[in-house]
Amino acid sequence: MGIRELIGELLESEGYTVELASDGQRALERLRASSRRMVVLLDVMMPVLNGIQMLEIVASDEALASRHGFVVMTASAMGASDALLRLARQFNAPVLTKPFAIETLLSSIDDVAGRLRA
């Protein structure tokens, strides 16, 4: 079982409805297909579309950008690009550096979900 599946199980145990996507393109397709507001956990390093590319596409689509919130996960804060930092500010998205505490992840998700409900 990979990290994506483990985080999915953790979130389900916390009462969240979870959808998993194996790559950035599939995640983007799910965002476009859903009318529900979603908190998206987005890894910078994903196949097909990486997290930065995905956020850039979402930023160019007002309907998607206003409907969803994001929590970005990255392997290195030192390696955070200017593009990632700009997009994180634009989306008011927390950026979590791996490894991160589960409590930090849950708190970040709660914060983003709260903004979506407001």
PDB file of N, CA and C in Angstrom:
ATOM      1  N   MET A   1       0.855  -1.178   0.000  1.00  0.00           N
ATOM      2  CA  MET A   1       0.000   0.000   0.000  1.00  0.00           C
ATOM      3  C   MET A   1       0.898   1.238   0.000  1.00  0.00           C
ATOM      4  N   GLY A   2       0.557   2.212  -0.846  1.00  0.00           N
ATOM      5  CA  GLY A   2       1.340   3.424  -0.962  1.00  0.00           C
ATOM      6  C   GLY A   2       0.862   4.527  -0.026  1.00  0.00           C
ATOM      7  N   ILE A   3       1.589   5.625  -0.036  1.00  0.00           N
ATOM      8  CA  ILE A   3       1.256   6.776   0.820  1.00  0.00           C
ATOM      9  C   ILE A   3      -0.126   7.317   0.476  1.00  0.00           C
ATOM     10  N   ARG A   4      -0.449   7.390  -0.822  1.00  0.00           N
ATOM     11  CA  ARG A   4      -1.759   7.907  -1.244  1.00  0.00           C
ATOM     12  C   ARG A   4      -2.876   7.094  -0.595  1.00  0.00           C
ATOM     13  N   GLU A   5      -2.756   5.775  -0.632  1.00  0.00           N
ATOM     14  CA  GLU A   5      -3.788   4.914  -0.054  1.00  0.00           C
ATOM     15  C   GLU A   5      -3.835   5.030   1.475  1.00  0.00           C
ATOM     16  N   LEU A   6      -2.671   5.127   2.098  1.00  0.00           N
ATOM     17  CA  LEU A   6      -2.644   5.276   3.562  1.00  0.00           C
ATOM     18  C   LEU A   6      -3.304   6.576   4.004  1.00  0.00           C
ATOM     19  N   ILE A   7      -2.993   7.668   3.314  1.00  0.00           N
ATOM     20  CA  ILE A   7      -3.637   8.953   3.653  1.00  0.00           C
ATOM     21  C   ILE A   7      -5.134   8.855   3.393  1.00  0.00           C
ATOM     22  N   GLY A   8      -5.525   8.190   2.295  1.00  0.00           N
ATOM     23  CA  GLY A   8      -6.950   8.003   2.009  1.00  0.00           C
ATOM     24  C   GLY A   8      -7.662   7.260   3.125  1.00  0.00           C
ATOM     25  N   GLU A   9      -7.054   6.186   3.610  1.00  0.00           N
ATOM     26  CA  GLU A   9      -7.660   5.428   4.713  1.00  0.00           C
ATOM     27  C   GLU A   9      -7.739   6.264   5.989  1.00  0.00           C
ATOM     28  N   LEU A  10      -6.692   7.011   6.274  1.00  0.00           N
ATOM     29  CA  LEU A  10      -6.700   7.891   7.447  1.00  0.00           C
ATOM     30  C   LEU A  10      -7.854   8.883   7.363  1.00  0.00           C
ATOM     31  N   LEU A  11      -8.002   9.524   6.204  1.00  0.00           N
ATOM     32  CA  LEU A  11      -9.055  10.527   6.048  1.00  0.00           C
ATOM     33  C   LEU A  11     -10.444   9.908   6.125  1.00  0.00           C
ATOM     34  N   GLU A  12     -10.606   8.717   5.558  1.00  0.00           N
ATOM     35  CA  GLU A  12     -11.897   8.028   5.685  1.00  0.00           C
ATOM     36  C   GLU A  12     -12.197   7.708   7.144  1.00  0.00           C
ATOM     37  N   SER A  13     -11.178   7.323   7.909  1.00  0.00           N
ATOM     38  CA  SER A  13     -11.392   7.031   9.331  1.00  0.00           C
ATOM     39  C   SER A  13     -11.750   8.289  10.113  1.00  0.00           C
ATOM     40  N   GLU A  14     -11.406   9.456   9.560  1.00  0.00           N
ATOM     41  CA  GLU A  14     -11.752  10.742  10.182  1.00  0.00           C
ATOM     42  C   GLU A  14     -13.104  11.263   9.693  1.00  0.00           C
ATOM     43  N   GLY A  15     -13.776  10.483   8.829  1.00  0.00           N
ATOM     44  CA  GLY A  15     -15.101  10.857   8.369  1.00  0.00           C
ATOM     45  C   GLY A  15     -15.156  11.570   7.030  1.00  0.00           C
ATOM     46  N   TYR A  16     -14.037  11.716   6.353  1.00  0.00           N
ATOM     47  CA  TYR A  16     -14.022  12.364   5.048  1.00  0.00           C
ATOM     48  C   TYR A  16     -14.402  11.380   3.948  1.00  0.00           C
ATOM     49  N   THR A  17     -15.039  11.882   2.914  1.00  0.00           N
ATOM     50  CA  THR A  17     -15.252  11.125   1.689  1.00  0.00           C
ATOM     51  C   THR A  17     -13.999  11.317   0.848  1.00  0.00           C
ATOM     52  N   VAL A  18     -13.424  10.228   0.382  1.00  0.00           N
ATOM     53  CA  VAL A  18     -12.132  10.291  -0.300  1.00  0.00           C
ATOM     54  C   VAL A  18     -12.243   9.729  -1.706  1.00  0.00           C
ATOM     55  N   GLU A  19     -11.656  10.452  -2.657  1.00  0.00           N
ATOM     56  CA  GLU A  19     -11.473   9.954  -4.016  1.00  0.00           C
ATOM     57  C   GLU A  19      -9.984   9.998  -4.287  1.00  0.00           C
ATOM     58  N   LEU A  20      -9.427   8.929  -4.827  1.00  0.00           N
ATOM     59  CA  LEU A  20      -8.007   8.874  -5.125  1.00  0.00           C
ATOM     60  C   LEU A  20      -7.794   8.987  -6.625  1.00  0.00           C
ATOM     61  N   ALA A  21      -6.722   9.664  -7.008  1.00  0.00           N
ATOM     62  CA  ALA A  21      -6.333   9.757  -8.416  1.00  0.00           C
ATOM     63  C   ALA A  21      -4.869   9.370  -8.505  1.00  0.00           C
ATOM     64  N   SER A  22      -4.553   8.571  -9.499  1.00  0.00           N
ATOM     65  CA  SER A  22      -3.190   8.050  -9.631  1.00  0.00           C
ATOM     66  C   SER A  22      -2.215   9.048 -10.244  1.00  0.00           C
ATOM     67  N   ASP A  23      -2.747  10.113 -10.849  1.00  0.00           N
ATOM     68  CA  ASP A  23      -1.866  11.121 -11.433  1.00  0.00           C
ATOM     69  C   ASP A  23      -2.603  12.453 -11.540  1.00  0.00           C
ATOM     70  N   GLY A  24      -1.868  13.489 -11.887  1.00  0.00           N
ATOM     71  CA  GLY A  24      -2.437  14.832 -11.949  1.00  0.00           C
ATOM     72  C   GLY A  24      -3.519  14.990 -13.001  1.00  0.00           C
ATOM     73  N   GLN A  25      -3.385  14.321 -14.130  1.00  0.00           N
ATOM     74  CA  GLN A  25      -4.398  14.418 -15.184  1.00  0.00           C
ATOM     75  C   GLN A  25      -5.720  13.821 -14.714  1.00  0.00           C
ATOM     76  N   ARG A  26      -5.651  12.658 -14.080  1.00  0.00           N
ATOM     77  CA  ARG A  26      -6.889  12.033 -13.576  1.00  0.00           C
ATOM     78  C   ARG A  26      -7.525  12.898 -12.486  1.00  0.00           C
ATOM     79  N   ALA A  27      -6.712  13.485 -11.639  1.00  0.00           N
ATOM     80  CA  ALA A  27      -7.244  14.375 -10.592  1.00  0.00           C
ATOM     81  C   ALA A  27      -7.950  15.570 -11.227  1.00  0.00           C
ATOM     82  N   LEU A  28      -7.337  16.159 -12.237  1.00  0.00           N
ATOM     83  CA  LEU A  28      -7.940  17.300 -12.928  1.00  0.00           C
ATOM     84  C   LEU A  28      -9.263  16.905 -13.579  1.00  0.00           C
ATOM     85  N   GLU A  29      -9.315  15.738 -14.179  1.00  0.00           N
ATOM     86  CA  GLU A  29     -10.560  15.255 -14.777  1.00  0.00           C
ATOM     87  C   GLU A  29     -11.654  15.110 -13.724  1.00  0.00           C
ATOM     88  N   ARG A  30     -11.305  14.624 -12.547  1.00  0.00           N
ATOM     89  CA  ARG A  30     -12.304  14.473 -11.466  1.00  0.00           C
ATOM     90  C   ARG A  30     -12.789  15.833 -10.981  1.00  0.00           C
ATOM     91  N   LEU A  31     -11.887  16.792 -10.882  1.00  0.00           N
ATOM     92  CA  LEU A  31     -12.297  18.138 -10.469  1.00  0.00           C
ATOM     93  C   LEU A  31     -13.273  18.727 -11.475  1.00  0.00           C
ATOM     94  N   ARG A  32     -12.966  18.573 -12.743  1.00  0.00           N
ATOM     95  CA  ARG A  32     -13.839  19.119 -13.793  1.00  0.00           C
ATOM     96  C   ARG A  32     -15.204  18.428 -13.811  1.00  0.00           C
ATOM     97  N   ALA A  33     -15.234  17.142 -13.508  1.00  0.00           N
ATOM     98  CA  ALA A  33     -16.477  16.367 -13.579  1.00  0.00           C
ATOM     99  C   ALA A  33     -17.374  16.564 -12.359  1.00  0.00           C
ATOM    100  N   SER A  34     -16.836  17.090 -11.283  1.00  0.00           N
ATOM    101  CA  SER A  34     -17.595  17.189 -10.035  1.00  0.00           C
ATOM    102  C   SER A  34     -18.179  18.582  -9.838  1.00  0.00           C
ATOM    103  N   SER A  35     -19.418  18.627  -9.412  1.00  0.00           N
ATOM    104  CA  SER A  35     -20.022  19.907  -9.046  1.00  0.00           C
ATOM    105  C   SER A  35     -19.828  20.190  -7.555  1.00  0.00           C
ATOM    106  N   ARG A  36     -19.325  19.197  -6.827  1.00  0.00           N
ATOM    107  CA  ARG A  36     -19.087  19.362  -5.384  1.00  0.00           C
ATOM    108  C   ARG A  36     -17.797  20.137  -5.152  1.00  0.00           C
ATOM    109  N   ARG A  37     -17.779  20.865  -4.057  1.00  0.00           N
ATOM    110  CA  ARG A  37     -16.561  21.540  -3.621  1.00  0.00           C
ATOM    111  C   ARG A  37     -15.665  20.489  -2.969  1.00  0.00           C
ATOM    112  N   MET A  38     -14.391  20.522  -3.280  1.00  0.00           N
ATOM    113  CA  MET A  38     -13.478  19.513  -2.753  1.00  0.00           C
ATOM    114  C   MET A  38     -12.207  20.163  -2.220  1.00  0.00           C
ATOM    115  N   VAL A  39     -11.683  19.556  -1.161  1.00  0.00           N
ATOM    116  CA  VAL A  39     -10.332  19.862  -0.705  1.00  0.00           C
ATOM    117  C   VAL A  39      -9.438  18.840  -1.395  1.00  0.00           C
ATOM    118  N   VAL A  40      -8.461  19.326  -2.127  1.00  0.00           N
ATOM    119  CA  VAL A  40      -7.593  18.468  -2.921  1.00  0.00           C
ATOM    120  C   VAL A  40      -6.213  18.424  -2.277  1.00  0.00           C
ATOM    121  N   LEU A  41      -5.766  17.218  -1.940  1.00  0.00           N
ATOM    122  CA  LEU A  41      -4.393  17.027  -1.479  1.00  0.00           C
ATOM    123  C   LEU A  41      -3.557  16.801  -2.725  1.00  0.00           C
ATOM    124  N   LEU A  42      -2.610  17.667  -2.920  1.00  0.00           N
ATOM    125  CA  LEU A  42      -1.885  17.698  -4.178  1.00  0.00           C
ATOM    126  C   LEU A  42      -0.401  17.556  -3.912  1.00  0.00           C
ATOM    127  N   ASP A  43       0.196  16.504  -4.458  1.00  0.00           N
ATOM    128  CA  ASP A  43       1.633  16.326  -4.323  1.00  0.00           C
ATOM    129  C   ASP A  43       2.311  17.058  -5.474  1.00  0.00           C
ATOM    130  N   VAL A  44       3.412  17.726  -5.187  1.00  0.00           N
ATOM    131  CA  VAL A  44       4.139  18.410  -6.250  1.00  0.00           C
ATOM    132  C   VAL A  44       4.646  17.404  -7.274  1.00  0.00           C
ATOM    133  N   MET A  45       5.117  16.260  -6.805  1.00  0.00           N
ATOM    134  CA  MET A  45       5.656  15.241  -7.708  1.00  0.00           C
ATOM    135  C   MET A  45       4.597  14.189  -8.022  1.00  0.00           C
ATOM    136  N   MET A  46       3.906  14.380  -9.153  1.00  0.00           N
ATOM    137  CA  MET A  46       2.913  13.409  -9.620  1.00  0.00           C
ATOM    138  C   MET A  46       3.202  13.107 -11.085  1.00  0.00           C
ATOM    139  N   PRO A  47       2.847  11.908 -11.522  1.00  0.00           N
ATOM    140  CA  PRO A  47       3.029  11.605 -12.944  1.00  0.00           C
ATOM    141  C   PRO A  47       2.016  12.345 -13.819  1.00  0.00           C
ATOM    142  N   VAL A  48       2.283  12.410 -15.077  1.00  0.00           N
ATOM    143  CA  VAL A  48       1.485  13.005 -16.149  1.00  0.00           C
ATOM    144  C   VAL A  48       1.423  14.520 -16.000  1.00  0.00           C
ATOM    145  N   LEU A  49       0.711  15.035 -15.002  1.00  0.00           N
ATOM    146  CA  LEU A  49       0.723  16.456 -14.651  1.00  0.00           C
ATOM    147  C   LEU A  49       1.246  16.552 -13.231  1.00  0.00           C
ATOM    148  N   ASN A  50       2.279  17.340 -13.007  1.00  0.00           N
ATOM    149  CA  ASN A  50       2.743  17.501 -11.629  1.00  0.00           C
ATOM    150  C   ASN A  50       1.842  18.515 -10.917  1.00  0.00           C
ATOM    151  N   GLY A  51       2.057  18.678  -9.635  1.00  0.00           N
ATOM    152  CA  GLY A  51       1.195  19.552  -8.848  1.00  0.00           C
ATOM    153  C   GLY A  51       1.204  20.997  -9.301  1.00  0.00           C
ATOM    154  N   ILE A  52       2.360  21.487  -9.715  1.00  0.00           N
ATOM    155  CA  ILE A  52       2.453  22.878 -10.182  1.00  0.00           C
ATOM    156  C   ILE A  52       1.681  23.038 -11.489  1.00  0.00           C
ATOM    157  N   GLN A  53       1.871  22.116 -12.422  1.00  0.00           N
ATOM    158  CA  GLN A  53       1.146  22.183 -13.692  1.00  0.00           C
ATOM    159  C   GLN A  53      -0.362  22.128 -13.461  1.00  0.00           C
ATOM    160  N   MET A  54      -0.783  21.261 -12.543  1.00  0.00           N
ATOM    161  CA  MET A  54      -2.215  21.141 -12.269  1.00  0.00           C
ATOM    162  C   MET A  54      -2.776  22.434 -11.694  1.00  0.00           C
ATOM    163  N   LEU A  55      -2.059  23.032 -10.731  1.00  0.00           N
ATOM    164  CA  LEU A  55      -2.534  24.296 -10.155  1.00  0.00           C
ATOM    165  C   LEU A  55      -2.571  25.406 -11.195  1.00  0.00           C
ATOM    166  N   GLU A  56      -1.615  25.427 -12.110  1.00  0.00           N
ATOM    167  CA  GLU A  56      -1.629  26.437 -13.173  1.00  0.00           C
ATOM    168  C   GLU A  56      -2.859  26.284 -14.057  1.00  0.00           C
ATOM    169  N   ILE A  57      -3.232  25.050 -14.382  1.00  0.00           N
ATOM    170  CA  ILE A  57      -4.435  24.810 -15.185  1.00  0.00           C
ATOM    171  C   ILE A  57      -5.671  25.231 -14.418  1.00  0.00           C
ATOM    172  N   VAL A  58      -5.749  24.865 -13.151  1.00  0.00           N
ATOM    173  CA  VAL A  58      -6.905  25.239 -12.331  1.00  0.00           C
ATOM    174  C   VAL A  58      -6.989  26.760 -12.207  1.00  0.00           C
ATOM    175  N   ALA A  59      -5.861  27.425 -12.030  1.00  0.00           N
ATOM    176  CA  ALA A  59      -5.847  28.883 -11.890  1.00  0.00           C
ATOM    177  C   ALA A  59      -6.392  29.577 -13.132  1.00  0.00           C
ATOM    178  N   SER A  60      -6.245  28.945 -14.293  1.00  0.00           N
ATOM    179  CA  SER A  60      -6.729  29.549 -15.537  1.00  0.00           C
ATOM    180  C   SER A  60      -8.218  29.279 -15.781  1.00  0.00           C
ATOM    181  N   ASP A  61      -8.852  28.530 -14.898  1.00  0.00           N
ATOM    182  CA  ASP A  61     -10.273  28.178 -15.035  1.00  0.00           C
ATOM    183  C   ASP A  61     -11.006  28.668 -13.787  1.00  0.00           C
ATOM    184  N   GLU A  62     -11.656  29.807 -13.896  1.00  0.00           N
ATOM    185  CA  GLU A  62     -12.289  30.450 -12.735  1.00  0.00           C
ATOM    186  C   GLU A  62     -13.284  29.539 -12.027  1.00  0.00           C
ATOM    187  N   ALA A  63     -14.041  28.745 -12.785  1.00  0.00           N
ATOM    188  CA  ALA A  63     -15.022  27.848 -12.156  1.00  0.00           C
ATOM    189  C   ALA A  63     -14.325  26.826 -11.265  1.00  0.00           C
ATOM    190  N   LEU A  64     -13.247  26.245 -11.740  1.00  0.00           N
ATOM    191  CA  LEU A  64     -12.504  25.283 -10.921  1.00  0.00           C
ATOM    192  C   LEU A  64     -11.817  25.969  -9.753  1.00  0.00           C
ATOM    193  N   ALA A  65     -11.184  27.096 -10.023  1.00  0.00           N
ATOM    194  CA  ALA A  65     -10.415  27.792  -8.991  1.00  0.00           C
ATOM    195  C   ALA A  65     -11.303  28.234  -7.831  1.00  0.00           C
ATOM    196  N   SER A  66     -12.532  28.628  -8.123  1.00  0.00           N
ATOM    197  CA  SER A  66     -13.416  29.110  -7.053  1.00  0.00           C
ATOM    198  C   SER A  66     -14.139  27.980  -6.330  1.00  0.00           C
ATOM    199  N   ARG A  67     -14.190  26.801  -6.927  1.00  0.00           N
ATOM    200  CA  ARG A  67     -14.952  25.695  -6.342  1.00  0.00           C
ATOM    201  C   ARG A  67     -14.129  24.807  -5.418  1.00  0.00           C
ATOM    202  N   HIS A  68     -12.824  24.744  -5.611  1.00  0.00           N
ATOM    203  CA  HIS A  68     -12.005  23.789  -4.878  1.00  0.00           C
ATOM    204  C   HIS A  68     -10.910  24.478  -4.073  1.00  0.00           C
ATOM    205  N   GLY A  69     -10.487  23.794  -3.004  1.00  0.00           N
ATOM    206  CA  GLY A  69      -9.375  24.252  -2.180  1.00  0.00           C
ATOM    207  C   GLY A  69      -8.259  23.219  -2.231  1.00  0.00           C
ATOM    208  N   PHE A  70      -7.050  23.658  -1.917  1.00  0.00           N
ATOM    209  CA  PHE A  70      -5.892  22.786  -2.091  1.00  0.00           C
ATOM    210  C   PHE A  70      -4.983  22.789  -0.871  1.00  0.00           C
ATOM    211  N   VAL A  71      -4.404  21.636  -0.614  1.00  0.00           N
ATOM    212  CA  VAL A  71      -3.309  21.455   0.336  1.00  0.00           C
ATOM    213  C   VAL A  71      -2.193  20.822  -0.480  1.00  0.00           C
ATOM    214  N   VAL A  72      -1.035  21.469  -0.511  1.00  0.00           N
ATOM    215  CA  VAL A  72       0.075  21.006  -1.337  1.00  0.00           C
ATOM    216  C   VAL A  72       1.093  20.300  -0.455  1.00  0.00           C
ATOM    217  N   MET A  73       1.559  19.151  -0.944  1.00  0.00           N
ATOM    218  CA  MET A  73       2.591  18.388  -0.243  1.00  0.00           C
ATOM    219  C   MET A  73       3.840  18.355  -1.123  1.00  0.00           C
ATOM    220  N   THR A  74       4.998  18.559  -0.489  1.00  0.00           N
ATOM    221  CA  THR A  74       6.246  18.558  -1.239  1.00  0.00           C
ATOM    222  C   THR A  74       7.337  17.875  -0.432  1.00  0.00           C
ATOM    223  N   ALA A  75       8.297  17.325  -1.133  1.00  0.00           N
ATOM    224  CA  ALA A  75       9.396  16.631  -0.467  1.00  0.00           C
ATOM    225  C   ALA A  75      10.396  17.588   0.155  1.00  0.00           C
ATOM    226  N   SER A  76      10.465  18.821  -0.354  1.00  0.00           N
ATOM    227  CA  SER A  76      11.479  19.738   0.144  1.00  0.00           C
ATOM    228  C   SER A  76      11.021  21.185   0.062  1.00  0.00           C
ATOM    229  N   ALA A  77      10.965  21.852   1.192  1.00  0.00           N
ATOM    230  CA  ALA A  77      10.641  23.274   1.201  1.00  0.00           C
ATOM    231  C   ALA A  77      11.746  24.066   0.515  1.00  0.00           C
ATOM    232  N   MET A  78      12.978  23.579   0.598  1.00  0.00           N
ATOM    233  CA  MET A  78      14.099  24.263  -0.027  1.00  0.00           C
ATOM    234  C   MET A  78      13.964  24.237  -1.550  1.00  0.00           C
ATOM    235  N   GLY A  79      13.295  23.214  -2.065  1.00  0.00           N
ATOM    236  CA  GLY A  79      13.149  23.083  -3.502  1.00  0.00           C
ATOM    237  C   GLY A  79      11.867  23.711  -4.043  1.00  0.00           C
ATOM    238  N   ALA A  80      11.117  24.397  -3.184  1.00  0.00           N
ATOM    239  CA  ALA A  80       9.871  25.005  -3.627  1.00  0.00           C
ATOM    240  C   ALA A  80      10.179  26.108  -4.633  1.00  0.00           C
ATOM    241  N   SER A  81       9.622  25.982  -5.798  1.00  0.00           N
ATOM    242  CA  SER A  81       9.889  26.945  -6.857  1.00  0.00           C
ATOM    243  C   SER A  81       9.079  28.219  -6.648  1.00  0.00           C
ATOM    244  N   ASP A  82       9.484  29.256  -7.344  1.00  0.00           N
ATOM    245  CA  ASP A  82       8.725  30.503  -7.304  1.00  0.00           C
ATOM    246  C   ASP A  82       7.296  30.274  -7.779  1.00  0.00           C
ATOM    247  N   ALA A  83       7.141  29.428  -8.805  1.00  0.00           N
ATOM    248  CA  ALA A  83       5.798  29.141  -9.321  1.00  0.00           C
ATOM    249  C   ALA A  83       4.935  28.484  -8.253  1.00  0.00           C
ATOM    250  N   LEU A  84       5.493  27.523  -7.522  1.00  0.00           N
ATOM    251  CA  LEU A  84       4.730  26.863  -6.468  1.00  0.00           C
ATOM    252  C   LEU A  84       4.343  27.857  -5.380  1.00  0.00           C
ATOM    253  N   LEU A  85       5.272  28.675  -4.957  1.00  0.00           N
ATOM    254  CA  LEU A  85       4.979  29.640  -3.900  1.00  0.00           C
ATOM    255  C   LEU A  85       3.924  30.655  -4.350  1.00  0.00           C
ATOM    256  N   ARG A  86       4.004  31.101  -5.603  1.00  0.00           N
ATOM    257  CA  ARG A  86       3.014  32.043  -6.143  1.00  0.00           C
ATOM    258  C   ARG A  86       1.631  31.392  -6.172  1.00  0.00           C
ATOM    259  N   LEU A  87       1.557  30.159  -6.663  1.00  0.00           N
ATOM    260  CA  LEU A  87       0.273  29.463  -6.741  1.00  0.00           C
ATOM    261  C   LEU A  87      -0.286  29.153  -5.355  1.00  0.00           C
ATOM    262  N   ALA A  88       0.576  28.782  -4.427  1.00  0.00           N
ATOM    263  CA  ALA A  88       0.118  28.511  -3.060  1.00  0.00           C
ATOM    264  C   ALA A  88      -0.491  29.772  -2.456  1.00  0.00           C
ATOM    265  N   ARG A  89       0.138  30.919  -2.690  1.00  0.00           N
ATOM    266  CA  ARG A  89      -0.433  32.188  -2.201  1.00  0.00           C
ATOM    267  C   ARG A  89      -1.754  32.487  -2.889  1.00  0.00           C
ATOM    268  N   GLN A  90      -1.800  32.300  -4.207  1.00  0.00           N
ATOM    269  CA  GLN A  90      -3.011  32.586  -4.973  1.00  0.00           C
ATOM    270  C   GLN A  90      -4.196  31.767  -4.463  1.00  0.00           C
ATOM    271  N   PHE A  91      -3.961  30.500  -4.147  1.00  0.00           N
ATOM    272  CA  PHE A  91      -5.026  29.620  -3.680  1.00  0.00           C
ATOM    273  C   PHE A  91      -5.140  29.589  -2.156  1.00  0.00           C
ATOM    274  N   ASN A  92      -4.289  30.344  -1.474  1.00  0.00           N
ATOM    275  CA  ASN A  92      -4.243  30.309  -0.011  1.00  0.00           C
ATOM    276  C   ASN A  92      -4.113  28.857   0.456  1.00  0.00           C
ATOM    277  N   ALA A  93      -3.211  28.141  -0.215  1.00  0.00           N
ATOM    278  CA  ALA A  93      -3.031  26.707   0.021  1.00  0.00           C
ATOM    279  C   ALA A  93      -1.864  26.462   0.964  1.00  0.00           C
ATOM    280  N   PRO A  94      -2.090  25.749   2.043  1.00  0.00           N
ATOM    281  CA  PRO A  94      -0.966  25.360   2.890  1.00  0.00           C
ATOM    282  C   PRO A  94      -0.005  24.474   2.095  1.00  0.00           C
ATOM    283  N   VAL A  95       1.286  24.641   2.345  1.00  0.00           N
ATOM    284  CA  VAL A  95       2.306  23.796   1.729  1.00  0.00           C
ATOM    285  C   VAL A  95       2.959  22.993   2.850  1.00  0.00           C
ATOM    286  N   LEU A  96       2.790  21.683   2.814  1.00  0.00           N
ATOM    287  CA  LEU A  96       3.322  20.795   3.839  1.00  0.00           C
ATOM    288  C   LEU A  96       4.570  20.110   3.307  1.00  0.00           C
ATOM    289  N   THR A  97       5.647  20.194   4.072  1.00  0.00           N
ATOM    290  CA  THR A  97       6.888  19.541   3.693  1.00  0.00           C
ATOM    291  C   THR A  97       6.934  18.160   4.321  1.00  0.00           C
ATOM    292  N   LYS A  98       7.193  17.159   3.490  1.00  0.00           N
ATOM    293  CA  LYS A  98       7.303  15.780   3.985  1.00  0.00           C
ATOM    294  C   LYS A  98       8.629  15.608   4.715  1.00  0.00           C
ATOM    295  N   PRO A  99       8.650  14.842   5.774  1.00  0.00           N
ATOM    296  CA  PRO A  99       7.497  14.234   6.431  1.00  0.00           C
ATOM    297  C   PRO A  99       6.767  15.274   7.275  1.00  0.00           C
ATOM    298  N   PHE A 100       5.474  15.160   7.357  1.00  0.00           N
ATOM    299  CA  PHE A 100       4.669  16.090   8.147  1.00  0.00           C
ATOM    300  C   PHE A 100       3.877  15.292   9.170  1.00  0.00           C
ATOM    301  N   ALA A 101       3.484  15.957  10.227  1.00  0.00           N
ATOM    302  CA  ALA A 101       2.679  15.312  11.271  1.00  0.00           C
ATOM    303  C   ALA A 101       1.248  15.145  10.778  1.00  0.00           C
ATOM    304  N   ILE A 102       0.629  14.040  11.119  1.00  0.00           N
ATOM    305  CA  ILE A 102      -0.765  13.786  10.745  1.00  0.00           C
ATOM    306  C   ILE A 102      -1.655  14.918  11.245  1.00  0.00           C
ATOM    307  N   GLU A 103      -1.372  15.413  12.443  1.00  0.00           N
ATOM    308  CA  GLU A 103      -2.165  16.511  13.005  1.00  0.00           C
ATOM    309  C   GLU A 103      -2.072  17.755  12.122  1.00  0.00           C
ATOM    310  N   THR A 104      -0.904  18.012  11.560  1.00  0.00           N
ATOM    311  CA  THR A 104      -0.722  19.162  10.672  1.00  0.00           C
ATOM    312  C   THR A 104      -1.546  18.983   9.406  1.00  0.00           C
ATOM    313  N   LEU A 105      -1.538  17.777   8.856  1.00  0.00           N
ATOM    314  CA  LEU A 105      -2.335  17.486   7.663  1.00  0.00           C
ATOM    315  C   LEU A 105      -3.816  17.692   7.953  1.00  0.00           C
ATOM    316  N   LEU A 106      -4.300  17.102   9.035  1.00  0.00           N
ATOM    317  CA  LEU A 106      -5.723  17.217   9.374  1.00  0.00           C
ATOM    318  C   LEU A 106      -6.126  18.653   9.639  1.00  0.00           C
ATOM    319  N   SER A 107      -5.289  19.403  10.325  1.00  0.00           N
ATOM    320  CA  SER A 107      -5.563  20.811  10.598  1.00  0.00           C
ATOM    321  C   SER A 107      -5.620  21.619   9.300  1.00  0.00           C
ATOM    322  N   SER A 108      -4.699  21.344   8.390  1.00  0.00           N
ATOM    323  CA  SER A 108      -4.686  22.051   7.104  1.00  0.00           C
ATOM    324  C   SER A 108      -5.947  21.746   6.302  1.00  0.00           C
ATOM    325  N   ILE A 109      -6.350  20.488   6.283  1.00  0.00           N
ATOM    326  CA  ILE A 109      -7.574  20.102   5.572  1.00  0.00           C
ATOM    327  C   ILE A 109      -8.779  20.794   6.191  1.00  0.00           C
ATOM    328  N   ASP A 110      -8.861  20.806   7.516  1.00  0.00           N
ATOM    329  CA  ASP A 110      -9.973  21.473   8.197  1.00  0.00           C
ATOM    330  C   ASP A 110     -10.020  22.958   7.863  1.00  0.00           C
ATOM    331  N   ASP A 111      -8.853  23.607   7.836  1.00  0.00           N
ATOM    332  CA  ASP A 111      -8.803  25.042   7.508  1.00  0.00           C
ATOM    333  C   ASP A 111      -9.320  25.306   6.098  1.00  0.00           C
ATOM    334  N   VAL A 112      -8.827  24.524   5.145  1.00  0.00           N
ATOM    335  CA  VAL A 112      -9.246  24.711   3.750  1.00  0.00           C
ATOM    336  C   VAL A 112     -10.728  24.393   3.591  1.00  0.00           C
ATOM    337  N   ALA A 113     -11.200  23.321   4.215  1.00  0.00           N
ATOM    338  CA  ALA A 113     -12.626  22.964   4.147  1.00  0.00           C
ATOM    339  C   ALA A 113     -13.497  24.066   4.735  1.00  0.00           C
ATOM    340  N   GLY A 114     -13.029  24.665   5.827  1.00  0.00           N
ATOM    341  CA  GLY A 114     -13.774  25.758   6.444  1.00  0.00           C
ATOM    342  C   GLY A 114     -13.915  26.953   5.507  1.00  0.00           C
ATOM    343  N   ARG A 115     -12.877  27.257   4.763  1.00  0.00           N
ATOM    344  CA  ARG A 115     -12.933  28.366   3.798  1.00  0.00           C
ATOM    345  C   ARG A 115     -13.899  28.039   2.662  1.00  0.00           C
ATOM    346  N   LEU A 116     -13.961  26.777   2.261  1.00  0.00           N
ATOM    347  CA  LEU A 116     -14.884  26.399   1.192  1.00  0.00           C
ATOM    348  C   LEU A 116     -16.337  26.505   1.644  1.00  0.00           C
ATOM    349  N   ARG A 117     -16.587  26.251   2.925  1.00  0.00           N
ATOM    350  CA  ARG A 117     -17.952  26.329   3.448  1.00  0.00           C
ATOM    351  C   ARG A 117     -18.406  27.761   3.669  1.00  0.00           C
ATOM    352  N   ALA A 118     -17.458  28.670   3.827  1.00  0.00           N
ATOM    353  CA  ALA A 118     -17.794  30.072   4.162  1.00  0.00           C
ATOM    354  C   ALA A 118     -18.439  30.799   2.996  1.00  0.00           C
TER     355      ALA A 118
END
